[in-house]
Structure formats: structure tokens, C-alpha cells
Amino acid sequence: MIRSIMRRMAAAAAVLLTIGTIQAVGASPATAATCGGGDAVVTGSQSSGFTTTYHGQTVYAGDLYIVAIWEAIGALDPNRTSQEKVSVMASGWIGDNAIDLPSRTAFEVCGTMGVGYRAGKGAVQAIGVTDVSVPHMNMTGNPYFGMRIADAHGLHLGDVDMNLDSGLGIRFERDLPGSTDVTMDDIYVEGASSHAVETWNIDGFSIARVTARDVGESGLLIQNSTNGWVGTVDGENVGTGTGYATFRMANNNGQEADGGYDTNIWVDNVISRGGGRGVFCVSQSGGVVIKNVDLANNGSNAILIENCYNVSIRGGTVNGGGEVRVAARSEFPNTRDVWVWLRVDNTSVRESPCGVNVNWSITGNASVNVC
């Protein structure tokens, strides 16, 4: 509990420091509103049963946690023109069921929601919706996806805590229509066997903080997305033994509609300890400025920039672990327009093969072999 409170206080401070940046990309500052006070409220326990009320009137009383939640969502005004909120105050287990959020809905779990595995599904889903928020979420279990999202417009994820046994934390789908105007405040994912947060096809996003602990693949993976800001990605033991990274950009991330790579992704800070790679840009991604990195003892490359374009890492430190490298594979156009300004100690810096317009400013005791 103390660790959780301290982490949230630190995240709130980081959000306050970056309000100007958030507003610059059109998002609203994060808030730390108290959980509860919904139009529909779920209370009770597994032992005593659950009760759902809507504006004080009972709409469900029974033993099934998932039914109590479904009834709360179903009780909302179907003709609403603005958000109504469901507050799940109770803790319980939904099994392998899914909770589908309709448009103009705020859904929060103030207790703890245990979830199970159902292939291809999210425990909480927002597909084809507008004006949806999850102000608070406490989730445990082994989902396929903790949250599954696509074609969402005006989506806000607030204080989300996932302490998982396996699965993927938050997934924006690849093969469904994309999303716009996405905001995430403070996402904490521990124990996922896949990614903590994986995004596809977002135009316009603001992600204040992603914290990943003991995660099997990436901490934050953004793909085929544009016009975004990321505050801090913080990973420990992320992607150990894999090619994934605490922060990874892939699959044409940052590529604009005209095929260009003007800077449209800004990242304030990447922190990585152990695990696999620290920062990885790959597969024709770019258009990104990373202001600061703090990387130590990564098991694979501390930084790998491979077939990426207009990538700037403007400061920070690398200590130990795998090398800092600019590289390219033959199936894509060569890496070009890269700036790396770092202090690197106790590991190496290498450019191979030579990129186009690659600019280095390296201090520290690293061995440097660049073109």
C-alpha cells in the first residue's frame, strides 16, 4: 500500500510538471479524482452477494459479480448525450467474461476485479466508441488482454493498476479501425507475460506514465501511430531474453500520411533496468524526439535504432548492459537522420552498417566505433 501511494504521488508530480506539454498536443491534464460516486454503483462481496443501484434504485441483487456489473452498465440512460459513470466499489471475479463499454460511459473499479482467460478477448473492451473513460482500475488474474481497444475516439484511461499472472495489459487492435484523441494518465502493469501496453493505429495520443515490472515483452510498444506525447516509460525486468524493449516503436510508427517523418512523437523520459533492450526503434518508424534516457544493465542492446528515420535522442545516460547501436536490415531503406547525444559508460557504441546523416555526441568511457 505504501509503495502504491508513493508511486501515485510521484506520477502526479510528473503530470504537473508536464501539463504544458500535454496541452500542446491537445489533451487535458490528468486528474486524481476520488474513486466512486457513480450514477450506477456496485457494492457487496462474494460472501454477502452484490447489489447494483442506479441513482439509488436497486436494479440487481444477487451472487454474480459479472452480472452486477453488466446490470450497472445496462441501467445507464440509453439516450444520454454525455457520460454517465459506473463505480464498482466491490471486489470479485468475472471469470472469462468480457465487459463491453458503450459510448459516453465512465467505468471504474474501485475494488479489485479478478479476471480469467478468453482467447482474443479483453476483460474490459472499448470497440467502436466515443467519449469513454476508465478513471480507475484495479485488475488481477490471467487475461488474454486486460483491456482491448479499437476505433475509440475521446478515450481516457486514468489510474490503472494491473497485477497479472500472465497475458497482455492494454492492447489497441491492429486489424480494426484506428483510434483518435487517446489519453492515459498512470498505467502500472506487473507480471504480464506479453506487453504492458501495446498500441496500434492511434492519431493523437498523450501518455503521461507507463510503469512496467516483470513483463515478458515490451513496456510501451507504439505502432503505426502519429501525433503523440509520452511522459515517462519506466521498466524493470522487461523483455528479458527477447528482442523487445522497455520502450519500442515499430511498424511505421511516426510515419505521416504523405510518407514523411517530420517530428510528431515526443518522449520525455525512458528509464530501464535489466530485462531486454532499453529503447528500440525498428521497421520504418521514426519522427521522434526522446529528450532523456536512463538505462542500466539491459540484457540486450541498451539502444537499437534499426531502419528508422528522423530519430533524436537528446540526452541521458547508459551504464553497462548491451551496446548502443545504429543498424539496418536490407529489406527496408537504410537508417537516416539520427542524432544521439549521450553519456555511455561500461558498454560500447557502434554504427553498422553505416547510416545516412547519423550524428553522434558520446561522452563517458564507452568504446566508440561509428562511421
Protein backbone atom coordinates (compact mmCIF):
# COMPACT_ATOMS: atom_id res chain seq x y z
CA MET A 1 0.00 0.00 0.00
CA ILE A 2 2.78 2.49 0.89
CA ARG A 3 4.62 1.70 -2.34
CA SER A 4 1.43 2.25 -4.33
CA ILE A 5 0.74 5.59 -2.66
CA MET A 6 4.32 6.78 -3.22
CA ARG A 7 4.23 5.72 -6.86
CA ARG A 8 1.00 7.61 -7.47
CA MET A 9 2.33 10.72 -5.76
CA ALA A 10 5.41 10.61 -7.99
CA ALA A 11 3.27 10.13 -11.07
CA ALA A 12 1.04 13.05 -10.11
CA ALA A 13 4.10 15.26 -9.70
CA ALA A 14 5.36 14.21 -13.13
CA VAL A 15 1.99 15.04 -14.65
CA LEU A 16 2.01 18.51 -13.08
CA LEU A 17 5.50 19.18 -14.45
CA THR A 18 4.37 18.32 -17.96
CA ILE A 19 0.94 19.93 -18.15
CA GLY A 20 2.23 22.41 -20.72
CA THR A 21 3.39 19.60 -22.96
CA ILE A 22 0.11 17.72 -22.62
CA GLN A 23 -1.85 20.80 -23.59
CA ALA A 24 0.44 21.29 -26.56
CA VAL A 25 -0.92 18.11 -28.14
CA GLY A 26 -4.50 18.87 -27.24
CA ALA A 27 -5.02 16.66 -24.19
CA SER A 28 -6.38 17.57 -20.80
CA PRO A 29 -4.21 17.43 -17.67
CA ALA A 30 -4.51 14.29 -15.59
CA THR A 31 -6.65 14.43 -12.51
CA ALA A 32 -6.64 12.38 -9.33
CA ALA A 33 -10.36 12.34 -8.56
CA THR A 34 -11.57 10.05 -5.80
CA CYS A 35 -12.91 6.71 -6.98
CA GLY A 36 -16.66 6.33 -6.54
CA GLY A 37 -19.80 8.41 -6.79
CA GLY A 38 -21.12 6.87 -10.00
CA ASP A 39 -24.61 7.08 -11.40
CA ALA A 40 -24.65 3.28 -11.16
CA VAL A 41 -22.86 1.66 -8.22
CA VAL A 42 -21.95 -1.96 -7.48
CA THR A 43 -21.41 -2.87 -3.81
CA GLY A 44 -21.19 -6.04 -1.75
CA SER A 45 -18.89 -9.07 -1.67
CA GLN A 46 -18.65 -12.66 -2.81
CA SER A 47 -19.78 -13.86 0.60
CA SER A 48 -22.71 -11.50 1.10
CA GLY A 49 -23.79 -11.02 -2.51
CA PHE A 50 -23.75 -7.96 -4.75
CA THR A 51 -26.13 -5.05 -5.16
CA THR A 52 -26.35 -2.69 -8.11
CA THR A 53 -28.11 0.64 -7.82
CA TYR A 54 -28.82 3.34 -10.38
CA HIS A 55 -29.46 6.76 -8.86
CA GLY A 56 -30.21 4.99 -5.60
CA GLN A 57 -32.70 2.48 -7.01
CA THR A 58 -31.80 -1.22 -6.84
CA VAL A 59 -31.54 -2.84 -10.26
CA TYR A 60 -29.78 -6.07 -9.23
CA ALA A 61 -29.24 -8.10 -6.08
CA GLY A 62 -27.54 -11.47 -6.39
CA ASP A 63 -24.43 -13.59 -6.16
CA LEU A 64 -22.81 -12.92 -9.55
CA TYR A 65 -20.22 -10.15 -9.74
CA ILE A 66 -20.18 -10.04 -13.53
CA VAL A 67 -23.97 -9.80 -13.73
CA ALA A 68 -23.96 -6.97 -11.20
CA ILE A 69 -21.51 -5.09 -13.46
CA TRP A 70 -23.43 -5.83 -16.64
CA GLU A 71 -26.65 -4.64 -14.99
CA ALA A 72 -24.94 -1.42 -13.89
CA ILE A 73 -23.91 -0.64 -17.46
CA GLY A 74 -27.32 -1.66 -18.76
CA ALA A 75 -29.05 0.68 -16.31
CA LEU A 76 -27.44 3.81 -17.78
CA ASP A 77 -29.69 6.14 -19.74
CA PRO A 78 -29.66 4.86 -23.34
CA ASN A 79 -30.40 8.38 -24.60
CA ARG A 80 -27.61 10.12 -22.69
CA THR A 81 -25.71 12.83 -24.53
CA SER A 82 -22.83 12.98 -22.04
CA GLN A 83 -21.04 10.48 -19.85
CA GLU A 84 -22.67 8.59 -17.04
CA LYS A 85 -20.44 6.69 -14.64
CA VAL A 86 -20.39 3.15 -13.27
CA SER A 87 -18.48 2.79 -10.00
CA VAL A 88 -17.69 -0.79 -8.98
CA MET A 89 -16.91 -0.49 -5.30
CA ALA A 90 -16.97 -4.26 -4.73
CA SER A 91 -14.21 -6.77 -5.39
CA GLY A 92 -14.91 -10.03 -7.18
CA TRP A 93 -14.17 -12.40 -10.04
CA ILE A 94 -15.61 -12.08 -13.56
CA GLY A 95 -14.17 -15.34 -14.89
CA ASP A 96 -13.55 -15.42 -18.65
CA ASN A 97 -16.34 -12.93 -19.37
CA ALA A 98 -15.90 -9.55 -21.08
CA ILE A 99 -17.21 -6.13 -20.07
CA ASP A 100 -18.06 -4.09 -23.18
CA LEU A 101 -18.17 -0.35 -22.64
CA PRO A 102 -20.64 1.66 -24.73
CA SER A 103 -20.12 5.26 -25.82
CA ARG A 104 -20.47 8.09 -23.28
CA THR A 105 -19.57 5.83 -20.37
CA ALA A 106 -17.12 6.18 -17.49
CA PHE A 107 -16.31 2.81 -15.90
CA GLU A 108 -14.17 2.40 -12.82
CA VAL A 109 -13.28 -0.46 -10.49
CA CYS A 110 -12.54 0.86 -7.02
CA GLY A 111 -12.31 -2.62 -5.54
CA THR A 112 -10.24 -5.32 -7.26
CA MET A 113 -11.53 -7.18 -10.29
CA GLY A 114 -10.17 -10.67 -10.86
CA VAL A 115 -10.25 -11.80 -14.49
CA GLY A 116 -9.75 -15.00 -16.44
CA TYR A 117 -8.53 -16.06 -19.89
CA ARG A 118 -10.59 -15.99 -23.06
CA ALA A 119 -8.64 -16.13 -26.33
CA GLY A 120 -8.80 -12.93 -28.35
CA LYS A 121 -10.89 -11.06 -25.79
CA GLY A 122 -10.28 -8.34 -23.25
CA ALA A 123 -11.66 -8.40 -19.74
CA VAL A 124 -12.71 -4.80 -20.45
CA GLN A 125 -13.36 -3.78 -24.06
CA ALA A 126 -13.97 -0.44 -25.80
CA ILE A 127 -14.59 -1.09 -29.50
CA GLY A 128 -16.22 1.42 -31.86
CA VAL A 129 -16.97 4.01 -29.17
CA THR A 130 -16.70 7.72 -28.42
CA ASP A 131 -16.28 9.53 -25.10
CA VAL A 132 -15.30 6.57 -22.88
CA SER A 133 -13.16 6.75 -19.76
CA VAL A 134 -11.75 4.36 -17.18
CA PRO A 135 -10.79 6.72 -14.34
CA HIS A 136 -9.65 3.92 -12.02
CA MET A 137 -8.97 0.22 -12.50
CA ASN A 138 -7.55 -2.44 -10.20
CA MET A 139 -7.18 -5.77 -12.01
CA THR A 140 -5.63 -9.13 -11.18
CA GLY A 141 -5.62 -12.50 -12.91
CA ASN A 142 -4.60 -14.03 -16.23
CA PRO A 143 -6.48 -12.31 -19.07
CA TYR A 144 -5.74 -12.66 -22.75
CA PHE A 145 -5.95 -8.84 -22.79
CA GLY A 146 -6.65 -6.86 -19.65
CA MET A 147 -8.16 -4.12 -21.83
CA ARG A 148 -8.90 -4.42 -25.56
CA ILE A 149 -9.49 -1.23 -27.52
CA ALA A 150 -10.10 -0.21 -31.14
CA ASP A 151 -11.94 2.52 -33.06
CA ALA A 152 -12.14 4.59 -29.85
CA HIS A 153 -12.39 8.37 -30.05
CA GLY A 154 -12.04 10.55 -26.98
CA LEU A 155 -10.74 7.76 -24.73
CA HIS A 156 -9.29 8.42 -21.28
CA LEU A 157 -7.53 5.82 -19.12
CA GLY A 158 -6.73 7.25 -15.70
CA ASP A 159 -5.12 5.40 -12.77
CA VAL A 160 -4.85 1.81 -13.99
CA ASP A 161 -3.17 -0.90 -11.87
CA MET A 162 -2.79 -4.40 -13.29
CA ASN A 163 -1.06 -7.04 -11.18
CA LEU A 164 -1.28 -10.01 -13.52
CA ASP A 165 -0.20 -13.63 -13.60
CA SER A 166 0.06 -13.65 -17.41
CA GLY A 167 -1.43 -12.09 -20.53
CA LEU A 168 -1.16 -8.62 -22.08
CA GLY A 169 -2.12 -5.48 -20.19
CA ILE A 170 -3.66 -2.95 -22.61
CA ARG A 171 -4.00 -3.69 -26.34
CA PHE A 172 -5.13 -1.42 -29.17
CA GLU A 173 -6.04 -3.76 -32.02
CA ARG A 174 -4.07 -3.88 -35.27
CA ASP A 175 -6.75 -5.11 -37.68
CA LEU A 176 -9.69 -2.92 -36.62
CA PRO A 177 -10.22 0.80 -37.34
CA GLY A 178 -7.86 3.17 -35.55
CA SER A 179 -8.43 5.49 -32.61
CA THR A 180 -8.08 9.24 -32.03
CA ASP A 181 -7.70 11.55 -29.02
CA VAL A 182 -6.40 8.95 -26.56
CA THR A 183 -5.17 9.96 -23.10
CA MET A 184 -3.54 7.77 -20.46
CA ASP A 185 -2.53 9.11 -17.06
CA ASP A 186 -0.79 6.48 -14.90
CA ILE A 187 -0.61 2.89 -16.14
CA TYR A 188 1.08 0.28 -13.92
CA VAL A 189 1.42 -3.30 -15.21
CA GLU A 190 3.20 -6.07 -13.36
CA GLY A 191 3.54 -9.75 -14.27
CA ALA A 192 2.18 -9.66 -17.83
CA SER A 193 3.70 -12.38 -19.99
CA SER A 194 3.36 -10.17 -23.08
CA HIS A 195 3.40 -6.35 -23.36
CA ALA A 196 2.30 -3.96 -20.66
CA VAL A 197 0.80 -1.51 -23.19
CA GLU A 198 0.64 -2.17 -26.96
CA THR A 199 -0.86 0.41 -29.28
CA TRP A 200 -1.75 0.32 -32.96
CA ASN A 201 -3.26 2.94 -35.26
CA ILE A 202 -3.71 5.97 -32.99
CA ASP A 203 -3.69 9.51 -34.31
CA GLY A 204 -3.34 11.88 -31.37
CA PHE A 205 -2.29 10.45 -28.01
CA SER A 206 -0.99 11.62 -24.64
CA ILE A 207 0.52 9.05 -22.26
CA ALA A 208 1.76 10.55 -19.00
CA ARG A 209 3.32 7.43 -17.47
CA VAL A 210 3.69 3.70 -18.11
CA THR A 211 5.37 1.63 -15.40
CA ALA A 212 6.21 -1.98 -16.27
CA ARG A 213 7.56 -4.53 -13.82
CA ASP A 214 8.50 -8.15 -14.61
CA VAL A 215 6.82 -8.01 -18.02
CA GLY A 216 7.57 -10.61 -20.69
CA GLU A 217 7.76 -8.35 -23.74
CA SER A 218 7.59 -4.53 -24.08
CA GLY A 219 6.72 -1.90 -21.51
CA LEU A 220 5.23 0.54 -24.03
CA LEU A 221 5.05 -0.53 -27.68
CA ILE A 222 3.62 2.03 -30.11
CA GLN A 223 2.96 1.07 -33.73
CA ASN A 224 1.61 2.86 -36.79
CA SER A 225 0.65 5.85 -34.62
CA THR A 226 1.20 9.58 -35.02
CA ASN A 227 0.98 12.89 -33.18
CA GLY A 228 1.72 11.78 -29.66
CA TRP A 229 3.42 12.65 -26.41
CA VAL A 230 4.80 10.26 -23.79
CA GLY A 231 5.92 11.49 -20.38
CA THR A 232 7.81 8.60 -18.75
CA VAL A 233 8.22 4.92 -19.56
CA ASP A 234 9.75 3.11 -16.59
CA GLY A 235 10.68 -0.56 -16.89
CA GLU A 236 12.38 -3.14 -14.67
CA ASN A 237 12.96 -6.69 -15.92
CA VAL A 238 11.04 -6.02 -19.13
CA GLY A 239 11.50 -8.36 -22.10
CA THR A 240 14.27 -10.44 -20.55
CA GLY A 241 15.80 -12.77 -23.15
CA THR A 242 13.78 -11.23 -26.00
CA GLY A 243 14.23 -8.53 -28.65
CA TYR A 244 11.60 -6.36 -27.01
CA ALA A 245 12.29 -3.21 -25.05
CA THR A 246 11.05 -1.04 -22.23
CA PHE A 247 10.13 1.46 -24.97
CA ARG A 248 9.68 0.19 -28.52
CA MET A 249 8.49 1.90 -31.71
CA ALA A 250 7.72 -0.37 -34.67
CA ASN A 251 5.72 -0.90 -37.85
CA ASN A 252 5.84 2.58 -39.40
CA ASN A 253 5.29 4.37 -36.14
CA GLY A 254 5.54 8.11 -36.63
CA GLN A 255 5.23 7.88 -40.41
CA GLU A 256 2.87 10.55 -41.67
CA ALA A 257 0.16 10.12 -44.29
CA ASP A 258 2.42 11.55 -47.01
CA GLY A 259 5.14 9.02 -46.13
CA GLY A 260 7.33 11.60 -44.39
CA TYR A 261 8.85 11.56 -40.91
CA ASP A 262 8.55 15.12 -39.63
CA THR A 263 8.82 15.06 -35.84
CA ASN A 264 5.39 14.23 -34.41
CA ILE A 265 6.24 11.95 -31.45
CA TRP A 266 7.79 13.41 -28.29
CA VAL A 267 9.04 11.32 -25.36
CA ASP A 268 10.28 12.99 -22.18
CA ASN A 269 11.99 10.12 -20.37
CA VAL A 270 12.76 6.41 -20.69
CA ILE A 271 14.05 4.54 -17.62
CA SER A 272 15.09 0.91 -17.96
CA ARG A 273 16.80 -1.53 -15.62
CA GLY A 274 17.82 -5.03 -16.67
CA GLY A 275 15.49 -7.03 -18.89
CA GLY A 276 15.95 -6.91 -22.66
CA ARG A 277 16.52 -3.73 -24.66
CA GLY A 278 16.04 -0.26 -23.23
CA VAL A 279 14.96 1.68 -26.36
CA PHE A 280 14.26 0.06 -29.73
CA CYS A 281 13.16 1.78 -32.96
CA VAL A 282 12.55 -0.60 -35.87
CA SER A 283 10.69 -1.30 -39.13
CA GLN A 284 10.42 2.11 -40.78
CA SER A 285 9.47 4.07 -37.70
CA GLY A 286 10.69 7.50 -36.62
CA GLY A 287 9.67 11.14 -36.45
CA VAL A 288 10.55 11.03 -32.75
CA VAL A 289 12.43 13.09 -30.17
CA ILE A 290 13.41 11.34 -26.93
CA LYS A 291 14.57 14.02 -24.51
CA ASN A 292 16.25 11.82 -21.89
CA VAL A 293 17.14 8.20 -21.21
CA ASP A 294 18.34 6.50 -18.04
CA LEU A 295 19.34 2.94 -18.99
CA ALA A 296 21.37 0.44 -16.99
CA ASN A 297 22.31 -3.23 -17.36
CA ASN A 298 19.97 -4.06 -20.19
CA GLY A 299 20.46 -7.64 -21.28
CA SER A 300 20.29 -6.85 -24.99
CA ASN A 301 21.02 -3.56 -26.77
CA ALA A 302 20.67 -0.61 -24.45
CA ILE A 303 19.51 1.27 -27.57
CA LEU A 304 18.92 -0.09 -31.08
CA ILE A 305 17.88 2.17 -33.95
CA GLU A 306 17.25 -0.02 -36.99
CA ASN A 307 15.71 1.17 -40.28
CA CYS A 308 14.32 4.30 -38.67
CA TYR A 309 14.21 7.90 -39.89
CA ASN A 310 14.45 11.23 -38.05
CA VAL A 311 15.23 9.88 -34.59
CA SER A 312 16.75 12.16 -31.96
CA ILE A 313 17.92 11.07 -28.50
CA ARG A 314 18.90 14.34 -26.90
CA GLY A 315 20.43 13.38 -23.58
CA GLY A 316 20.80 10.97 -20.71
CA THR A 317 22.95 8.07 -19.60
CA VAL A 318 23.64 4.45 -20.46
CA ASN A 319 25.57 2.37 -17.93
CA GLY A 320 26.53 -1.21 -18.69
CA GLY A 321 24.45 -3.78 -20.49
CA GLY A 322 24.29 -4.20 -24.24
CA GLU A 323 25.69 -1.80 -26.81
CA VAL A 324 24.18 1.37 -28.20
CA ARG A 325 23.79 0.68 -31.91
CA VAL A 326 22.54 2.20 -35.14
CA ALA A 327 21.88 -0.58 -37.67
CA ALA A 328 19.83 -1.54 -40.72
CA ARG A 329 18.43 -4.60 -42.43
CA SER A 330 18.44 -4.89 -46.21
CA GLU A 331 14.67 -5.30 -46.68
CA PHE A 332 14.00 -1.66 -45.70
CA PRO A 333 15.59 1.66 -46.74
CA ASN A 334 18.72 2.47 -44.76
CA THR A 335 18.57 4.27 -41.42
CA ARG A 336 18.91 8.03 -41.83
CA ASP A 337 18.74 11.36 -39.99
CA VAL A 338 19.69 10.21 -36.49
CA TRP A 339 21.08 12.25 -33.58
CA VAL A 340 22.38 10.51 -30.43
CA TRP A 341 23.73 12.68 -27.59
CA LEU A 342 24.56 10.53 -24.55
CA ARG A 343 26.94 9.67 -21.76
CA VAL A 344 27.75 5.98 -22.19
CA ASP A 345 29.80 4.01 -19.67
CA ASN A 346 30.85 0.37 -19.39
CA THR A 347 29.50 -0.70 -22.76
CA SER A 348 30.07 0.13 -26.44
CA VAL A 349 28.67 2.36 -29.18
CA ARG A 350 28.53 1.05 -32.76
CA GLU A 351 27.16 2.06 -36.15
CA SER A 352 26.96 -0.91 -38.51
CA PRO A 353 26.15 -0.73 -41.35
CA CYS A 354 26.70 2.99 -41.83
CA GLY A 355 23.54 5.04 -41.87
CA VAL A 356 22.82 8.29 -43.70
CA ASN A 357 23.30 11.52 -41.74
CA VAL A 358 23.91 9.82 -38.41
CA ASN A 359 25.23 12.26 -35.80
CA TRP A 360 26.92 11.20 -32.54
CA SER A 361 27.92 13.10 -29.41
CA ILE A 362 29.16 10.50 -26.91
CA THR A 363 30.91 11.07 -23.58
CA GLY A 364 31.91 8.55 -20.92
CA ASN A 365 34.22 5.56 -21.13
CA ALA A 366 32.40 3.70 -23.93
CA SER A 367 34.33 2.28 -26.86
CA VAL A 368 33.01 4.05 -29.95
CA ASN A 369 33.03 2.54 -33.45
CA VAL A 370 30.92 4.74 -35.74
CA CYS A 371 31.11 5.87 -39.36
